[in-house]
Amino acid sequence: MTKALLAFVIWIFSGTVTAQVFDIPHGEEAPTRTLLVSTAKPRALVLLFPGGGGVAGIFDNGSAKSRHTFVRSINLWGQYGIDAVLVDSPYDLGDLRRGNLRGRQDHLTRVNEVVSFYKTKLHLPVWIFGHSMGSSTATYYANSLPVGQEQIAGIIIAGTIHTASLNKEVSLPVLGIHHASDGCAGTPLSATADIIQNRPTKYISQLDVIEGGITEGNVCDSFAYHGFNQTEPELIKRAAQFILSH
């Protein structure tokens, strides 16, 4: 596969929102595929890291194999003036049962390459939003940044896994979102609440709990309460409001 950056214009949601696929080079290895959904006058950009194994399966035409929450809701960000980027993984990043690979240097390097690419391309504040297993991408990456040299504006975690944690030195604004009825054993409400409540009070931290919607299938899947099924607009609204106010 070529190391050159590949870009494809995929579709137009409206007169002011477009979508493109960008493959971010990663040395001689497979690139990191991303899907950018942009709006006319963006004020910020959010990188979306889904849960499960982290493989969204973005095709050349911009569609995705995954039906994750972030895939279902990616076109909702534009109304708030926020560009959204779905970040794929070329390999399975694991889960709580099989082992989580998101703390490995290769993954964190890929995250940094994506952050650097979009900061250079769009000159916008960059936020990282991780859901479920993806919450550990957000926390691992934030923990890895040198104090005072953060490349990102803040992080958002939702449906957080119970093994995720933030170092006390992380000074970035942090929003934690959880569904009140999340029934997944690996992602209790306390996982998100503990991260927010244990942060030093001098840092910007907020916990939002969402109710309503419906649950379908396995309690840990993205169509359960865990995945904010039919509360996606509220999830994006809460996240967007936090981003734009910080």
Protein backbone atom coordinates (compact mmCIF):
# COMPACT_ATOMS: atom_id res chain seq x y z
CA MET A 1 0.00 0.00 0.00
CA THR A 2 1.33 3.43 -0.89
CA LYS A 3 2.66 5.62 1.87
CA ALA A 4 1.15 8.67 0.22
CA LEU A 5 -1.93 10.16 1.80
CA LEU A 6 -5.13 9.07 0.09
CA ALA A 7 -8.20 11.28 0.09
CA PHE A 8 -11.61 10.60 -1.38
CA VAL A 9 -14.62 12.91 -1.41
CA ILE A 10 -17.48 10.65 -0.43
CA TRP A 11 -20.83 12.37 -0.11
CA ILE A 12 -22.61 15.57 0.84
CA PHE A 13 -25.05 15.55 3.75
CA SER A 14 -26.23 19.09 3.02
CA GLY A 15 -25.02 22.23 1.35
CA THR A 16 -22.59 22.92 4.19
CA VAL A 17 -21.46 19.46 5.37
CA THR A 18 -19.16 17.12 3.44
CA ALA A 19 -17.36 13.87 4.16
CA GLN A 20 -13.94 12.60 3.11
CA VAL A 21 -11.81 9.54 3.78
CA PHE A 22 -8.19 10.17 4.74
CA ASP A 23 -5.59 7.45 5.26
CA ILE A 24 -2.93 8.69 7.70
CA PRO A 25 0.49 7.13 6.91
CA HIS A 26 2.17 4.98 9.55
CA GLY A 27 5.65 4.20 8.30
CA GLU A 28 5.77 1.02 6.22
CA GLU A 29 2.71 -0.43 7.92
CA ALA A 30 -0.98 -0.11 7.11
CA PRO A 31 -2.21 3.48 7.45
CA THR A 32 -4.81 4.65 9.94
CA ARG A 33 -8.05 5.23 8.06
CA THR A 34 -10.24 8.14 9.11
CA LEU A 35 -13.56 9.60 7.98
CA LEU A 36 -13.85 13.38 8.25
CA VAL A 37 -17.34 14.89 8.29
CA SER A 38 -16.84 18.63 8.05
CA THR A 39 -19.06 21.67 8.27
CA ALA A 40 -18.75 25.10 6.64
CA LYS A 41 -17.49 27.16 9.57
CA PRO A 42 -16.12 24.76 12.18
CA ARG A 43 -15.04 25.93 15.63
CA ALA A 44 -13.48 22.66 16.79
CA LEU A 45 -12.76 19.10 15.73
CA VAL A 46 -13.52 15.88 17.59
CA LEU A 47 -11.76 12.56 16.99
CA LEU A 48 -14.10 9.62 17.64
CA PHE A 49 -12.65 6.34 18.93
CA PRO A 50 -15.28 3.56 19.03
CA GLY A 51 -15.41 0.65 21.43
CA GLY A 52 -15.22 -3.07 20.85
CA GLY A 53 -12.08 -3.97 18.94
CA GLY A 54 -11.85 -0.45 17.54
CA VAL A 55 -12.27 -1.57 13.92
CA ALA A 56 -14.95 0.61 12.32
CA GLY A 57 -14.38 -0.85 8.86
CA ILE A 58 -14.48 2.39 6.86
CA PHE A 59 -14.79 1.66 3.14
CA ASP A 60 -13.44 3.79 0.28
CA ASN A 61 -16.93 5.16 -0.33
CA GLY A 62 -17.21 6.47 3.24
CA SER A 63 -19.63 3.86 4.54
CA ALA A 64 -18.62 1.75 7.53
CA LYS A 65 -19.11 -1.89 8.46
CA SER A 66 -19.61 -0.98 12.11
CA ARG A 67 -22.96 0.22 13.44
CA HIS A 68 -21.34 1.77 16.48
CA THR A 69 -22.87 4.79 18.20
CA PHE A 70 -20.29 7.09 16.61
CA VAL A 71 -21.13 5.81 13.13
CA ARG A 72 -24.86 6.33 13.67
CA SER A 73 -24.41 9.86 14.99
CA ILE A 74 -21.48 11.30 13.04
CA ASN A 75 -23.70 13.61 10.98
CA LEU A 76 -25.07 15.29 14.14
CA TRP A 77 -21.91 17.26 14.94
CA GLY A 78 -22.18 19.73 12.07
CA GLN A 79 -25.18 21.55 13.55
CA TYR A 80 -22.92 22.63 16.43
CA GLY A 81 -20.12 23.84 14.18
CA ILE A 82 -17.85 20.89 14.99
CA ASP A 83 -15.96 18.77 12.49
CA ALA A 84 -16.09 15.07 13.39
CA VAL A 85 -13.56 12.37 12.52
CA LEU A 86 -14.27 8.66 12.91
CA VAL A 87 -10.93 6.94 13.57
CA ASP A 88 -10.57 3.35 12.38
CA SER A 89 -7.91 0.81 13.34
CA PRO A 90 -6.16 -1.51 10.87
CA TYR A 91 -6.10 -4.24 13.51
CA ASP A 92 -8.20 -5.48 16.42
CA LEU A 93 -7.39 -3.55 19.59
CA GLY A 94 -8.96 -6.13 21.87
CA ASP A 95 -11.39 -5.80 24.74
CA LEU A 96 -11.63 -6.47 28.47
CA ARG A 97 -12.01 -10.22 27.97
CA ARG A 98 -9.29 -10.73 25.36
CA GLY A 99 -6.91 -8.02 26.51
CA ASN A 100 -6.79 -4.32 25.65
CA LEU A 101 -4.03 -3.18 23.25
CA ARG A 102 -4.83 0.52 23.37
CA GLY A 103 -2.02 1.26 25.81
CA ARG A 104 0.61 -0.05 23.40
CA GLN A 105 2.99 2.43 21.82
CA ASP A 106 1.97 1.59 18.26
CA HIS A 107 -1.64 2.57 18.94
CA LEU A 108 -0.70 5.74 20.81
CA THR A 109 1.66 6.70 17.98
CA ARG A 110 -1.18 6.27 15.51
CA VAL A 111 -3.41 8.48 17.66
CA ASN A 112 -0.71 11.13 17.74
CA GLU A 113 -0.30 10.94 13.95
CA VAL A 114 -4.02 11.49 13.49
CA VAL A 115 -4.02 14.42 15.93
CA SER A 116 -1.03 16.02 14.18
CA PHE A 117 -2.51 15.52 10.72
CA TYR A 118 -5.80 17.22 11.52
CA LYS A 119 -4.25 20.02 13.56
CA THR A 120 -2.01 20.83 10.60
CA LYS A 121 -4.78 20.44 8.03
CA LEU A 122 -7.61 22.30 9.74
CA HIS A 123 -5.99 24.52 12.41
CA LEU A 124 -8.77 23.76 14.90
CA PRO A 125 -8.79 22.78 18.58
CA VAL A 126 -8.75 18.96 18.63
CA TRP A 127 -10.72 16.89 21.15
CA ILE A 128 -10.61 13.14 21.68
CA PHE A 129 -13.88 11.31 22.40
CA GLY A 130 -13.72 7.65 23.35
CA HIS A 131 -16.70 5.38 24.00
CA SER A 132 -16.57 2.10 25.93
CA MET A 133 -13.20 0.45 25.12
CA GLY A 134 -12.40 3.63 23.20
CA SER A 135 -12.47 5.52 26.49
CA SER A 136 -9.11 3.93 27.26
CA THR A 137 -7.66 5.40 24.07
CA ALA A 138 -8.62 8.83 25.40
CA THR A 139 -7.17 8.22 28.86
CA TYR A 140 -4.03 6.39 27.74
CA TYR A 141 -3.28 9.15 25.24
CA ALA A 142 -3.93 11.96 27.74
CA ASN A 143 -1.68 10.21 30.26
CA SER A 144 1.11 9.96 27.67
CA LEU A 145 1.26 13.67 26.87
CA PRO A 146 4.07 15.74 28.42
CA VAL A 147 2.70 18.17 31.00
CA GLY A 148 2.29 21.60 29.42
CA GLN A 149 2.79 20.28 25.88
CA GLU A 150 -0.65 18.84 25.20
CA GLN A 151 -1.60 18.71 21.52
CA ILE A 152 -5.30 18.38 22.27
CA ALA A 153 -7.85 20.70 23.86
CA GLY A 154 -9.53 18.07 26.03
CA ILE A 155 -11.06 14.61 26.20
CA ILE A 156 -14.52 13.10 26.50
CA ILE A 157 -15.19 9.61 27.80
CA ALA A 158 -18.53 7.80 27.63
CA GLY A 159 -19.59 4.35 28.78
CA THR A 160 -16.14 4.18 30.34
CA ILE A 161 -14.48 0.83 31.04
CA HIS A 162 -13.72 0.13 34.69
CA THR A 163 -9.96 -0.20 34.06
CA ALA A 164 -9.57 3.31 32.61
CA SER A 165 -7.83 5.94 34.70
CA LEU A 166 -6.34 9.42 34.43
CA ASN A 167 -3.10 10.56 35.98
CA LYS A 168 -3.36 13.42 38.47
CA GLU A 169 -1.04 15.46 36.24
CA VAL A 170 -3.50 15.52 33.34
CA SER A 171 -4.80 19.10 33.35
CA LEU A 172 -6.99 18.93 30.23
CA PRO A 173 -10.74 19.58 30.47
CA VAL A 174 -12.52 16.23 30.84
CA LEU A 175 -16.20 15.40 30.30
CA GLY A 176 -17.56 12.04 31.40
CA ILE A 177 -20.91 10.84 30.02
CA HIS A 178 -22.73 7.68 31.04
CA HIS A 179 -26.19 6.22 30.56
CA ALA A 180 -28.05 5.83 33.82
CA SER A 181 -29.24 2.33 32.84
CA ASP A 182 -25.97 1.00 31.40
CA GLY A 183 -26.08 -2.68 32.34
CA CYS A 184 -22.67 -3.73 31.04
CA ALA A 185 -20.57 -5.20 33.87
CA GLY A 186 -17.34 -3.84 32.44
CA THR A 187 -18.65 -0.29 32.14
CA PRO A 188 -20.49 0.66 35.34
CA LEU A 189 -21.54 4.25 35.91
CA SER A 190 -18.96 4.37 38.70
CA ALA A 191 -16.16 3.98 36.14
CA THR A 192 -16.95 7.34 34.59
CA ALA A 193 -17.94 8.98 37.87
CA ASP A 194 -14.75 7.95 39.65
CA ILE A 195 -12.50 9.46 36.99
CA ILE A 196 -14.36 12.77 37.12
CA GLN A 197 -14.78 12.94 40.89
CA ASN A 198 -11.18 11.97 41.65
CA ARG A 199 -9.63 14.70 39.54
CA PRO A 200 -7.98 17.67 41.28
CA THR A 201 -10.58 20.40 41.81
CA LYS A 202 -8.44 22.97 40.00
CA TYR A 203 -9.07 21.17 36.70
CA ILE A 204 -12.20 21.40 34.55
CA SER A 205 -14.23 18.21 35.00
CA GLN A 206 -17.89 17.40 34.40
CA LEU A 207 -20.10 14.33 34.73
CA ASP A 208 -23.28 14.03 32.67
CA VAL A 209 -25.76 11.17 33.09
CA ILE A 210 -28.23 10.49 30.29
CA GLU A 211 -31.56 8.70 30.66
CA GLY A 212 -34.12 7.35 28.20
CA GLY A 213 -33.82 5.63 24.86
CA ILE A 214 -34.16 1.88 24.37
CA THR A 215 -31.98 -1.18 24.83
CA GLU A 216 -31.62 -4.04 22.34
CA GLY A 217 -29.42 -7.12 22.32
CA ASN A 218 -26.41 -7.71 24.55
CA VAL A 219 -26.15 -5.15 27.37
CA CYS A 220 -22.57 -4.35 26.32
CA ASP A 221 -23.37 -3.73 22.64
CA SER A 222 -23.83 -0.38 20.95
CA PHE A 223 -27.61 -0.83 20.57
CA ALA A 224 -28.06 -1.27 24.31
CA TYR A 225 -28.36 1.59 26.79
CA HIS A 226 -24.57 1.30 26.93
CA GLY A 227 -24.46 2.57 23.34
CA PHE A 228 -26.98 5.38 23.89
CA ASN A 229 -29.52 3.79 21.56
CA GLN A 230 -32.03 6.49 20.53
CA THR A 231 -30.36 9.03 22.81
CA GLU A 232 -27.59 9.77 20.31
CA PRO A 233 -28.77 13.38 19.78
CA GLU A 234 -28.53 14.06 23.52
CA LEU A 235 -25.10 12.42 23.70
CA ILE A 236 -23.74 14.61 20.91
CA LYS A 237 -25.45 17.71 22.29
CA ARG A 238 -23.86 17.28 25.74
CA ALA A 239 -20.44 16.64 24.23
CA ALA A 240 -20.70 19.55 21.78
CA GLN A 241 -21.77 21.99 24.49
CA PHE A 242 -18.78 21.02 26.62
CA ILE A 243 -16.37 21.35 23.69
CA LEU A 244 -17.66 24.78 22.69
CA SER A 245 -17.60 26.12 26.25
CA HIS A 246 -13.97 25.19 26.85
